[in-house]
C-alpha atoms as a PDB file:
ATOM      1  CA  UNK A   1     129.792 158.222 103.455  1.00  0.00           C
ATOM      2  CA  UNK A   2     130.800 156.264 106.558  1.00  0.00           C
ATOM      3  CA  UNK A   3     134.488 155.400 106.819  1.00  0.00           C
ATOM      4  CA  UNK A   4     134.724 151.615 107.064  1.00  0.00           C
ATOM      5  CA  UNK A   5     136.976 148.784 106.007  1.00  0.00           C
ATOM      6  CA  UNK A   6     136.010 146.907 102.835  1.00  0.00           C
ATOM      7  CA  UNK A   7     132.710 145.079 103.418  1.00  0.00           C
ATOM      8  CA  UNK A   8     130.281 143.026 101.359  1.00  0.00           C
ATOM      9  CA  UNK A   9     127.481 145.255 100.097  1.00  0.00           C
ATOM     10  CA  UNK A  10     124.797 143.557 102.224  1.00  0.00           C
ATOM     11  CA  UNK A  11     126.895 144.161 105.335  1.00  0.00           C
ATOM     12  CA  UNK A  12     127.207 147.848 104.456  1.00  0.00           C
ATOM     13  CA  UNK A  13     123.449 148.133 103.898  1.00  0.00           C
ATOM     14  CA  UNK A  14     122.627 146.336 107.159  1.00  0.00           C
ATOM     15  CA  UNK A  15     125.089 148.451 109.139  1.00  0.00           C
ATOM     16  CA  UNK A  16     123.639 151.636 107.654  1.00  0.00           C
ATOM     17  CA  UNK A  17     120.053 150.531 108.319  1.00  0.00           C
ATOM     18  CA  UNK A  18     120.822 149.875 111.989  1.00  0.00           C
ATOM     19  CA  UNK A  19     122.959 152.957 112.641  1.00  0.00           C
ATOM     20  CA  UNK A  20     120.231 155.551 113.448  1.00  0.00           C
ATOM     21  CA  UNK A  21     119.059 155.995 117.028  1.00  0.00           C
ATOM     22  CA  UNK A  22     117.204 154.611 118.828  1.00  0.00           C
ATOM     23  CA  UNK A  23     119.077 151.377 118.229  1.00  0.00           C
ATOM     24  CA  UNK A  24     117.694 148.012 119.238  1.00  0.00           C
ATOM     25  CA  UNK A  25     119.517 148.077 122.589  1.00  0.00           C
ATOM     26  CA  UNK A  26     118.085 151.531 123.314  1.00  0.00           C
ATOM     27  CA  UNK A  27     114.519 150.212 123.199  1.00  0.00           C
ATOM     28  CA  UNK A  28     112.603 148.444 125.943  1.00  0.00           C
ATOM     29  CA  UNK A  29     113.331 144.683 125.719  1.00  0.00           C
ATOM     30  CA  UNK A  30     109.853 143.831 124.415  1.00  0.00           C
ATOM     31  CA  UNK A  31     110.130 146.493 121.712  1.00  0.00           C
ATOM     32  CA  UNK A  32     113.576 145.260 120.728  1.00  0.00           C
ATOM     33  CA  UNK A  33     112.315 141.687 120.507  1.00  0.00           C
ATOM     34  CA  UNK A  34     109.462 142.747 118.249  1.00  0.00           C
ATOM     35  CA  UNK A  35     111.855 144.744 116.071  1.00  0.00           C
ATOM     36  CA  UNK A  36     114.189 141.779 115.526  1.00  0.00           C
ATOM     37  CA  UNK A  37     111.226 139.529 114.704  1.00  0.00           C
ATOM     38  CA  UNK A  38     110.123 142.117 112.129  1.00  0.00           C
ATOM     39  CA  UNK A  39     113.629 142.397 110.645  1.00  0.00           C
ATOM     40  CA  UNK A  40     113.720 138.617 110.283  1.00  0.00           C
ATOM     41  CA  UNK A  41     110.460 138.556 108.327  1.00  0.00           C
ATOM     42  CA  UNK A  42     112.378 139.809 105.290  1.00  0.00           C
ATOM     43  CA  UNK A  43     112.229 137.465 102.265  1.00  0.00           C
ATOM     44  CA  UNK A  44     114.781 134.655 102.323  1.00  0.00           C
ATOM     45  CA  UNK A  45     115.152 131.148 100.962  1.00  0.00           C
ATOM     46  CA  UNK A  46     114.036 128.620 103.578  1.00  0.00           C
ATOM     47  CA  UNK A  47     114.555 124.881 103.467  1.00  0.00           C
ATOM     48  CA  UNK A  48     111.477 122.660 103.882  1.00  0.00           C
ATOM     49  CA  UNK A  49     111.225 121.045 107.300  1.00  0.00           C
ATOM     50  CA  UNK A  50     108.806 119.489 109.756  1.00  0.00           C
ATOM     51  CA  UNK A  51     108.457 121.389 113.029  1.00  0.00           C
ATOM     52  CA  UNK A  52     107.199 120.225 116.408  1.00  0.00           C
ATOM     53  CA  UNK A  53     107.093 122.204 119.656  1.00  0.00           C
ATOM     54  CA  UNK A  54     107.152 120.701 123.132  1.00  0.00           C
ATOM     55  CA  UNK A  55     107.035 122.260 126.595  1.00  0.00           C
ATOM     56  CA  UNK A  56     109.791 120.880 128.803  1.00  0.00           C
ATOM     57  CA  UNK A  57     110.073 121.230 132.572  1.00  0.00           C
ATOM     58  CA  UNK A  58     113.593 122.218 133.655  1.00  0.00           C
ATOM     59  CA  UNK A  59     112.796 121.880 137.366  1.00  0.00           C
ATOM     60  CA  UNK A  60     113.620 124.914 139.506  1.00  0.00           C
ATOM     61  CA  UNK A  61     114.408 126.900 136.338  1.00  0.00           C
ATOM     62  CA  UNK A  62     110.871 126.653 134.975  1.00  0.00           C
ATOM     63  CA  UNK A  63     109.158 125.359 131.834  1.00  0.00           C
ATOM     64  CA  UNK A  64     110.360 126.377 128.369  1.00  0.00           C
ATOM     65  CA  UNK A  65     109.394 125.588 124.802  1.00  0.00           C
ATOM     66  CA  UNK A  66     111.633 123.303 122.757  1.00  0.00           C
ATOM     67  CA  UNK A  67     111.421 123.240 118.974  1.00  0.00           C
ATOM     68  CA  UNK A  68     112.314 120.100 117.019  1.00  0.00           C
ATOM     69  CA  UNK A  69     113.205 120.733 113.374  1.00  0.00           C
ATOM     70  CA  UNK A  70     113.792 117.849 110.972  1.00  0.00           C
ATOM     71  CA  UNK A  71     114.026 117.562 107.177  1.00  0.00           C
ATOM     72  CA  UNK A  72     110.531 117.468 105.688  1.00  0.00           C
ATOM     73  CA  UNK A  73     109.063 113.981 105.519  1.00  0.00           C
ATOM     74  CA  UNK A  74     112.069 112.314 107.138  1.00  0.00           C
ATOM     75  CA  UNK A  75     110.918 110.106 110.013  1.00  0.00           C
ATOM     76  CA  UNK A  76     114.209 108.208 110.334  1.00  0.00           C
ATOM     77  CA  UNK A  77     116.323 108.153 113.465  1.00  0.00           C
ATOM     78  CA  UNK A  78     118.565 111.186 112.966  1.00  0.00           C
ATOM     79  CA  UNK A  79     121.564 112.747 114.719  1.00  0.00           C
ATOM     80  CA  UNK A  80     120.987 115.835 116.855  1.00  0.00           C
ATOM     81  CA  UNK A  81     122.238 119.405 116.712  1.00  0.00           C
ATOM     82  CA  UNK A  82     121.381 121.114 120.004  1.00  0.00           C
ATOM     83  CA  UNK A  83     121.204 124.740 118.877  1.00  0.00           C
ATOM     84  CA  UNK A  84     121.281 127.678 121.313  1.00  0.00           C
ATOM     85  CA  UNK A  85     120.303 131.000 119.773  1.00  0.00           C
ATOM     86  CA  UNK A  86     122.051 134.320 120.076  1.00  0.00           C
ATOM     87  CA  UNK A  87     120.819 137.946 120.108  1.00  0.00           C
ATOM     88  CA  UNK A  88     122.342 139.230 123.308  1.00  0.00           C
ATOM     89  CA  UNK A  89     120.555 137.009 125.855  1.00  0.00           C
ATOM     90  CA  UNK A  90     117.689 139.529 125.476  1.00  0.00           C
ATOM     91  CA  UNK A  91     116.340 138.987 121.956  1.00  0.00           C
ATOM     92  CA  UNK A  92     115.995 136.050 119.576  1.00  0.00           C
ATOM     93  CA  UNK A  93     113.585 133.137 119.197  1.00  0.00           C
ATOM     94  CA  UNK A  94     112.752 130.170 117.008  1.00  0.00           C
ATOM     95  CA  UNK A  95     111.299 132.662 114.531  1.00  0.00           C
ATOM     96  CA  UNK A  96     114.378 134.900 114.298  1.00  0.00           C
ATOM     97  CA  UNK A  97     116.610 131.863 113.749  1.00  0.00           C
ATOM     98  CA  UNK A  98     114.161 129.949 111.552  1.00  0.00           C
ATOM     99  CA  UNK A  99     116.149 130.291 108.323  1.00  0.00           C
ATOM    100  CA  UNK A 100     119.387 129.211 109.968  1.00  0.00           C
ATOM    101  CA  UNK A 101     118.128 126.156 111.826  1.00  0.00           C
ATOM    102  CA  UNK A 102     116.178 124.917 108.812  1.00  0.00           C
ATOM    103  CA  UNK A 103     119.352 125.037 106.735  1.00  0.00           C
ATOM    104  CA  UNK A 104     121.383 123.264 109.405  1.00  0.00           C
ATOM    105  CA  UNK A 105     118.762 120.527 109.678  1.00  0.00           C
ATOM    106  CA  UNK A 106     118.392 119.818 105.971  1.00  0.00           C
ATOM    107  CA  UNK A 107     122.030 120.160 104.935  1.00  0.00           C
ATOM    108  CA  UNK A 108     123.238 117.840 107.712  1.00  0.00           C
ATOM    109  CA  UNK A 109     120.205 115.514 107.733  1.00  0.00           C
ATOM    110  CA  UNK A 110     119.792 116.134 111.450  1.00  0.00           C
ATOM    111  CA  UNK A 111     117.171 117.029 114.004  1.00  0.00           C
ATOM    112  CA  UNK A 112     117.819 120.511 115.345  1.00  0.00           C
ATOM    113  CA  UNK A 113     116.693 120.779 118.961  1.00  0.00           C
ATOM    114  CA  UNK A 114     116.141 124.453 119.715  1.00  0.00           C
ATOM    115  CA  UNK A 115     115.426 125.534 123.318  1.00  0.00           C
ATOM    116  CA  UNK A 116     113.609 128.846 123.744  1.00  0.00           C
ATOM    117  CA  UNK A 117     115.317 129.686 127.019  1.00  0.00           C
ATOM    118  CA  UNK A 118     114.123 132.486 129.305  1.00  0.00           C
ATOM    119  CA  UNK A 119     115.672 135.754 128.179  1.00  0.00           C
ATOM    120  CA  UNK A 120     117.264 138.621 130.071  1.00  0.00           C
ATOM    121  CA  UNK A 121     116.716 140.991 131.783  1.00  0.00           C
ATOM    122  CA  UNK A 122     113.688 139.124 133.175  1.00  0.00           C
ATOM    123  CA  UNK A 123     115.862 136.038 133.680  1.00  0.00           C
ATOM    124  CA  UNK A 124     119.384 136.617 134.962  1.00  0.00           C
ATOM    125  CA  UNK A 125     122.548 134.522 134.732  1.00  0.00           C
ATOM    126  CA  UNK A 126     122.711 131.516 135.115  1.00  0.00           C
ATOM    127  CA  UNK A 127     119.025 130.812 134.343  1.00  0.00           C
ATOM    128  CA  UNK A 128     119.405 130.365 130.570  1.00  0.00           C
ATOM    129  CA  UNK A 129     122.463 128.136 130.994  1.00  0.00           C
ATOM    130  CA  UNK A 130     120.750 125.906 133.524  1.00  0.00           C
ATOM    131  CA  UNK A 131     117.597 125.649 131.397  1.00  0.00           C
ATOM    132  CA  UNK A 132     119.613 124.680 128.333  1.00  0.00           C
ATOM    133  CA  UNK A 133     121.649 122.136 130.275  1.00  0.00           C
ATOM    134  CA  UNK A 134     118.511 120.620 131.824  1.00  0.00           C
ATOM    135  CA  UNK A 135     116.946 120.182 128.376  1.00  0.00           C
ATOM    136  CA  UNK A 136     120.176 118.683 127.045  1.00  0.00           C
ATOM    137  CA  UNK A 137     120.089 116.052 129.795  1.00  0.00           C
ATOM    138  CA  UNK A 138     116.465 115.211 128.994  1.00  0.00           C
ATOM    139  CA  UNK A 139     117.261 114.256 125.394  1.00  0.00           C
ATOM    140  CA  UNK A 140     117.905 110.686 126.531  1.00  0.00           C
ATOM    141  CA  UNK A 141     114.313 110.205 127.632  1.00  0.00           C
ATOM    142  CA  UNK A 142     113.022 111.985 124.506  1.00  0.00           C
ATOM    143  CA  UNK A 143     115.213 109.968 122.138  1.00  0.00           C
ATOM    144  CA  UNK A 144     112.736 107.171 121.488  1.00  0.00           C
ATOM    145  CA  UNK A 145     109.600 109.277 120.959  1.00  0.00           C
ATOM    146  CA  UNK A 146     111.442 111.860 118.820  1.00  0.00           C
ATOM    147  CA  UNK A 147     113.600 109.293 116.975  1.00  0.00           C
ATOM    148  CA  UNK A 148     116.879 110.899 118.030  1.00  0.00           C
ATOM    149  CA  UNK A 149     120.319 109.373 117.536  1.00  0.00           C
ATOM    150  CA  UNK A 150     122.459 110.718 120.383  1.00  0.00           C
ATOM    151  CA  UNK A 151     125.656 108.909 119.381  1.00  0.00           C
ATOM    152  CA  UNK A 152     127.085 112.027 117.735  1.00  0.00           C
ATOM    153  CA  UNK A 153     125.437 114.863 119.627  1.00  0.00           C
ATOM    154  CA  UNK A 154     126.533 118.332 118.513  1.00  0.00           C
ATOM    155  CA  UNK A 155     126.045 121.599 120.382  1.00  0.00           C
ATOM    156  CA  UNK A 156     125.978 124.786 118.340  1.00  0.00           C
ATOM    157  CA  UNK A 157     125.138 128.436 118.702  1.00  0.00           C
ATOM    158  CA  UNK A 158     125.692 131.973 117.453  1.00  0.00           C
ATOM    159  CA  UNK A 159     127.035 134.916 119.455  1.00  0.00           C
ATOM    160  CA  UNK A 160     125.772 134.538 123.048  1.00  0.00           C
ATOM    161  CA  UNK A 161     124.362 131.206 121.873  1.00  0.00           C
ATOM    162  CA  UNK A 162     127.918 130.217 120.979  1.00  0.00           C
ATOM    163  CA  UNK A 163     128.891 131.242 124.494  1.00  0.00           C
ATOM    164  CA  UNK A 164     126.223 128.999 125.990  1.00  0.00           C
ATOM    165  CA  UNK A 165     126.972 126.148 123.576  1.00  0.00           C
ATOM    166  CA  UNK A 166     130.580 125.896 124.712  1.00  0.00           C
ATOM    167  CA  UNK A 167     129.402 126.301 128.314  1.00  0.00           C
ATOM    168  CA  UNK A 168     127.299 123.161 127.729  1.00  0.00           C
ATOM    169  CA  UNK A 169     130.542 121.281 127.036  1.00  0.00           C
ATOM    170  CA  UNK A 170     132.169 122.710 130.181  1.00  0.00           C
ATOM    171  CA  UNK A 171     129.181 121.730 132.341  1.00  0.00           C
ATOM    172  CA  UNK A 172     129.022 118.308 130.697  1.00  0.00           C
ATOM    173  CA  UNK A 173     132.640 117.713 131.693  1.00  0.00           C
ATOM    174  CA  UNK A 174     132.069 119.020 135.246  1.00  0.00           C
ATOM    175  CA  UNK A 175     128.797 117.165 135.825  1.00  0.00           C
ATOM    176  CA  UNK A 176     129.454 114.056 133.709  1.00  0.00           C
ATOM    177  CA  UNK A 177     126.468 114.798 131.493  1.00  0.00           C
ATOM    178  CA  UNK A 178     125.255 113.391 128.187  1.00  0.00           C
ATOM    179  CA  UNK A 179     128.355 113.087 125.950  1.00  0.00           C
ATOM    180  CA  UNK A 180     128.836 115.789 123.308  1.00  0.00           C
ATOM    181  CA  UNK A 181     130.866 114.957 120.204  1.00  0.00           C
ATOM    182  CA  UNK A 182     131.417 118.424 118.650  1.00  0.00           C
ATOM    183  CA  UNK A 183     130.824 122.117 119.280  1.00  0.00           C
ATOM    184  CA  UNK A 184     130.065 124.621 116.515  1.00  0.00           C
ATOM    185  CA  UNK A 185     130.446 128.253 117.534  1.00  0.00           C
ATOM    186  CA  UNK A 186     129.497 131.083 115.199  1.00  0.00           C
ATOM    187  CA  UNK A 187     131.227 134.328 116.328  1.00  0.00           C
ATOM    188  CA  UNK A 188     130.890 133.461 120.032  1.00  0.00           C
ATOM    189  CA  UNK A 189     130.930 135.743 123.057  1.00  0.00           C
ATOM    190  CA  UNK A 190     133.706 134.365 125.267  1.00  0.00           C
ATOM    191  CA  UNK A 191     134.699 137.140 127.660  1.00  0.00           C
ATOM    192  CA  UNK A 192     133.190 140.140 129.447  1.00  0.00           C
ATOM    193  CA  UNK A 193     135.968 142.467 128.286  1.00  0.00           C
ATOM    194  CA  UNK A 194     135.216 145.495 126.130  1.00  0.00           C
ATOM    195  CA  UNK A 195     138.801 146.689 125.658  1.00  0.00           C
ATOM    196  CA  UNK A 196     140.100 144.322 122.989  1.00  0.00           C
ATOM    197  CA  UNK A 197     141.507 145.708 119.758  1.00  0.00           C
ATOM    198  CA  UNK A 198     138.421 144.626 117.798  1.00  0.00           C
ATOM    199  CA  UNK A 199     136.091 146.272 120.324  1.00  0.00           C
ATOM    200  CA  UNK A 200     137.906 149.534 119.662  1.00  0.00           C
ATOM    201  CA  UNK A 201     138.328 149.139 115.895  1.00  0.00           C
ATOM    202  CA  UNK A 202     134.793 147.938 115.130  1.00  0.00           C
ATOM    203  CA  UNK A 203     132.874 149.338 118.108  1.00  0.00           C
ATOM    204  CA  UNK A 204     130.891 151.774 115.965  1.00  0.00           C
ATOM    205  CA  UNK A 205     129.610 151.734 112.344  1.00  0.00           C
ATOM    206  CA  UNK A 206     129.639 147.923 112.040  1.00  0.00           C
ATOM    207  CA  UNK A 207     126.149 147.047 113.346  1.00  0.00           C
ATOM    208  CA  UNK A 208     127.057 145.416 116.691  1.00  0.00           C
ATOM    209  CA  UNK A 209     128.522 148.212 118.790  1.00  0.00           C
ATOM    210  CA  UNK A 210     130.679 148.322 121.887  1.00  0.00           C
ATOM    211  CA  UNK A 211     127.890 150.153 123.730  1.00  0.00           C
ATOM    212  CA  UNK A 212     125.424 147.509 122.599  1.00  0.00           C
ATOM    213  CA  UNK A 213     127.529 144.655 123.968  1.00  0.00           C
ATOM    214  CA  UNK A 214     127.986 146.466 127.270  1.00  0.00           C
ATOM    215  CA  UNK A 215     124.201 146.746 127.481  1.00  0.00           C
ATOM    216  CA  UNK A 216     123.657 143.073 126.632  1.00  0.00           C
ATOM    217  CA  UNK A 217     126.064 141.992 129.355  1.00  0.00           C
ATOM    218  CA  UNK A 218     124.346 144.335 131.826  1.00  0.00           C
ATOM    219  CA  UNK A 219     121.011 142.650 131.123  1.00  0.00           C
ATOM    220  CA  UNK A 220     122.574 139.214 131.757  1.00  0.00           C
ATOM    221  CA  UNK A 221     124.605 140.064 134.857  1.00  0.00           C
ATOM    222  CA  UNK A 222     126.247 143.190 136.264  1.00  0.00           C
ATOM    223  CA  UNK A 223     128.045 141.162 138.944  1.00  0.00           C
ATOM    224  CA  UNK A 224     131.782 141.138 138.195  1.00  0.00           C
ATOM    225  CA  UNK A 225     132.305 137.882 140.099  1.00  0.00           C
ATOM    226  CA  UNK A 226     129.640 136.191 137.991  1.00  0.00           C
ATOM    227  CA  UNK A 227     131.096 137.659 134.805  1.00  0.00           C
ATOM    228  CA  UNK A 228     134.454 136.128 135.731  1.00  0.00           C
ATOM    229  CA  UNK A 229     133.011 132.616 136.079  1.00  0.00           C
ATOM    230  CA  UNK A 230     133.964 130.299 133.231  1.00  0.00           C
ATOM    231  CA  UNK A 231     130.287 129.588 132.598  1.00  0.00           C
ATOM    232  CA  UNK A 232     129.896 133.288 131.716  1.00  0.00           C
ATOM    233  CA  UNK A 233     133.361 134.045 130.300  1.00  0.00           C
ATOM    234  CA  UNK A 234     134.758 130.709 129.059  1.00  0.00           C
ATOM    235  CA  UNK A 235     137.922 132.422 127.790  1.00  0.00           C
ATOM    236  CA  UNK A 236     138.894 132.799 131.457  1.00  0.00           C
ATOM    237  CA  UNK A 237     138.972 129.017 131.932  1.00  0.00           C
ATOM    238  CA  UNK A 238     142.420 127.540 132.473  1.00  0.00           C
ATOM    239  CA  UNK A 239     143.855 124.869 130.194  1.00  0.00           C
ATOM    240  CA  UNK A 240     142.968 122.094 132.606  1.00  0.00           C
ATOM    241  CA  UNK A 241     139.335 123.221 132.643  1.00  0.00           C
ATOM    242  CA  UNK A 242     139.271 123.192 128.826  1.00  0.00           C
ATOM    243  CA  UNK A 243     141.157 119.924 128.441  1.00  0.00           C
ATOM    244  CA  UNK A 244     139.145 117.076 126.887  1.00  0.00           C
ATOM    245  CA  UNK A 245     136.327 119.298 125.633  1.00  0.00           C
ATOM    246  CA  UNK A 246     134.896 118.133 122.288  1.00  0.00           C
ATOM    247  CA  UNK A 247     136.391 119.221 118.946  1.00  0.00           C
ATOM    248  CA  UNK A 248     135.403 122.760 118.020  1.00  0.00           C
ATOM    249  CA  UNK A 249     134.730 124.812 114.924  1.00  0.00           C
ATOM    250  CA  UNK A 250     134.818 128.559 115.578  1.00  0.00           C
ATOM    251  CA  UNK A 251     133.868 130.935 112.765  1.00  0.00           C
ATOM    252  CA  UNK A 252     134.426 134.680 113.094  1.00  0.00           C
ATOM    253  CA  UNK A 253     133.732 137.789 111.024  1.00  0.00           C
ATOM    254  CA  UNK A 254     136.424 140.330 110.234  1.00  0.00           C
ATOM    255  CA  UNK A 255     134.468 143.459 111.222  1.00  0.00           C
ATOM    256  CA  UNK A 256     133.002 142.183 114.489  1.00  0.00           C
ATOM    257  CA  UNK A 257     133.758 143.440 117.990  1.00  0.00           C
ATOM    258  CA  UNK A 258     133.676 139.783 119.115  1.00  0.00           C
ATOM    259  CA  UNK A 259     136.298 138.598 116.630  1.00  0.00           C
ATOM    260  CA  UNK A 260     139.281 138.834 118.946  1.00  0.00           C
ATOM    261  CA  UNK A 261     137.731 136.955 121.864  1.00  0.00           C
ATOM    262  CA  UNK A 262     136.391 134.225 119.577  1.00  0.00           C
ATOM    263  CA  UNK A 263     139.798 133.664 118.029  1.00  0.00           C
ATOM    264  CA  UNK A 264     141.521 133.846 121.423  1.00  0.00           C
ATOM    265  CA  UNK A 265     139.179 131.109 122.651  1.00  0.00           C
ATOM    266  CA  UNK A 266     140.092 128.974 119.642  1.00  0.00           C
ATOM    267  CA  UNK A 267     143.778 129.340 120.507  1.00  0.00           C
ATOM    268  CA  UNK A 268     143.171 128.515 124.157  1.00  0.00           C
ATOM    269  CA  UNK A 269     141.178 125.397 123.293  1.00  0.00           C
ATOM    270  CA  UNK A 270     143.979 124.349 120.932  1.00  0.00           C
ATOM    271  CA  UNK A 271     146.564 124.889 123.672  1.00  0.00           C
ATOM    272  CA  UNK A 272     144.432 122.686 125.933  1.00  0.00           C
ATOM    273  CA  UNK A 273     144.662 119.875 123.373  1.00  0.00           C
ATOM    274  CA  UNK A 274     141.199 120.298 121.859  1.00  0.00           C
ATOM    275  CA  UNK A 275     141.024 119.822 118.059  1.00  0.00           C
ATOM    276  CA  UNK A 276     140.022 123.241 116.693  1.00  0.00           C
ATOM    277  CA  UNK A 277     139.121 124.512 113.241  1.00  0.00           C
ATOM    278  CA  UNK A 278     138.995 128.308 113.225  1.00  0.00           C
ATOM    279  CA  UNK A 279     138.195 130.464 110.202  1.00  0.00           C
ATOM    280  CA  UNK A 280     137.827 134.230 109.860  1.00  0.00           C
ATOM    281  CA  UNK A 281     135.616 135.572 107.059  1.00  0.00           C
ATOM    282  CA  UNK A 282     136.670 138.883 105.572  1.00  0.00           C
ATOM    283  CA  UNK A 283     134.398 141.774 104.691  1.00  0.00           C
ATOM    284  CA  UNK A 284     131.559 140.811 107.009  1.00  0.00           C
ATOM    285  CA  UNK A 285     129.974 141.965 110.269  1.00  0.00           C
ATOM    286  CA  UNK A 286     128.405 140.282 113.291  1.00  0.00           C
ATOM    287  CA  UNK A 287     125.344 138.015 112.913  1.00  0.00           C
ATOM    288  CA  UNK A 288     126.089 137.178 109.282  1.00  0.00           C
ATOM    289  CA  UNK A 289     124.812 133.589 109.376  1.00  0.00           C
ATOM    290  CA  UNK A 290     121.624 134.493 111.254  1.00  0.00           C
ATOM    291  CA  UNK A 291     120.376 137.707 109.636  1.00  0.00           C
ATOM    292  CA  UNK A 292     118.129 137.096 106.616  1.00  0.00           C
ATOM    293  CA  UNK A 293     119.447 140.193 104.846  1.00  0.00           C
ATOM    294  CA  UNK A 294     122.984 138.737 104.829  1.00  0.00           C
ATOM    295  CA  UNK A 295     121.993 135.205 103.819  1.00  0.00           C
ATOM    296  CA  UNK A 296     123.402 135.546 100.309  1.00  0.00           C
ATOM    297  CA  UNK A 297     126.712 137.128 101.261  1.00  0.00           C
ATOM    298  CA  UNK A 298     129.803 135.223 100.215  1.00  0.00           C
ATOM    299  CA  UNK A 299     130.721 134.956 103.887  1.00  0.00           C
ATOM    300  CA  UNK A 300     127.397 133.432 104.955  1.00  0.00           C
ATOM    301  CA  UNK A 301     127.289 130.949 102.089  1.00  0.00           C
ATOM    302  CA  UNK A 302     130.881 129.853 102.722  1.00  0.00           C
ATOM    303  CA  UNK A 303     130.325 129.631 106.487  1.00  0.00           C
ATOM    304  CA  UNK A 304     127.240 127.462 106.054  1.00  0.00           C
ATOM    305  CA  UNK A 305     128.980 125.209 103.531  1.00  0.00           C
ATOM    306  CA  UNK A 306     131.988 124.823 105.805  1.00  0.00           C
ATOM    307  CA  UNK A 307     130.066 124.256 109.030  1.00  0.00           C
ATOM    308  CA  UNK A 308     127.565 121.793 107.591  1.00  0.00           C
ATOM    309  CA  UNK A 309     130.317 119.745 105.943  1.00  0.00           C
ATOM    310  CA  UNK A 310     132.281 119.750 109.221  1.00  0.00           C
ATOM    311  CA  UNK A 311     129.225 118.487 111.090  1.00  0.00           C
ATOM    312  CA  UNK A 312     128.936 115.611 108.610  1.00  0.00           C
ATOM    313  CA  UNK A 313     132.590 114.570 108.957  1.00  0.00           C
ATOM    314  CA  UNK A 314     133.352 111.580 111.136  1.00  0.00           C
ATOM    315  CA  UNK A 315     136.087 112.195 113.668  1.00  0.00           C
END
């Protein structure tokens, strides 16, 4: 029996299932992508929605697919959640995050706009960021045809998607882009540093490993100067660079290598004067709101209830 801290049973089962080699990060990227898609075909409750896909030209960064998800049958003008997916910059798609974005859409009565950015290692930093930002700026011209209310635009994301979601707020401040009202970050990547306490405590036997995160970063960029940029490692931003960013909710899992950097980012945002709600969920591992197999954990249900109610609150 593996020696671990107390975990919810689904987290134990998922960690055990993903422990044998070769692990997903030890496969070729295309094989790893197919494996995650297969994992996410497991049975799960899915909310009923209407889905529309659209190819969008991001200029020099190329054309990418954008998915629009809205509550089934609702043709009203609805607020927008701009959702950037995680899975290490290498994996992930509208299919792997289908359960999650459907729930966000229906429970908040919003349109989820989901860019399928170009993934690493084929596309290197900052391609995905620039594609996402370009799409974000095009929402204005899509607002009428897609019936989008951009008054309370929210950016959200999980893991590396949480990284890129907060980077959208940093770029918006720098470039005076389309105003963002809130940022929702599920267990975000905030720093290219593998020597935190949680990296050492949870770096093996808890699904997302220290070696795995090193590999994900290597696919994105191996350049230390790029890794130090605040659009790659937002935790390295100074307080002035974080000042006036939109209110944030940051949710972390107890047994996650990324816990420490996510919580450190929450503290730094707070010190910069940003309103921050930060909650740590005990007994759970990385990816708990995304992975179908952990959908019914106490942590996932509480995180979804908390985050959807926070989205609905008026500041």
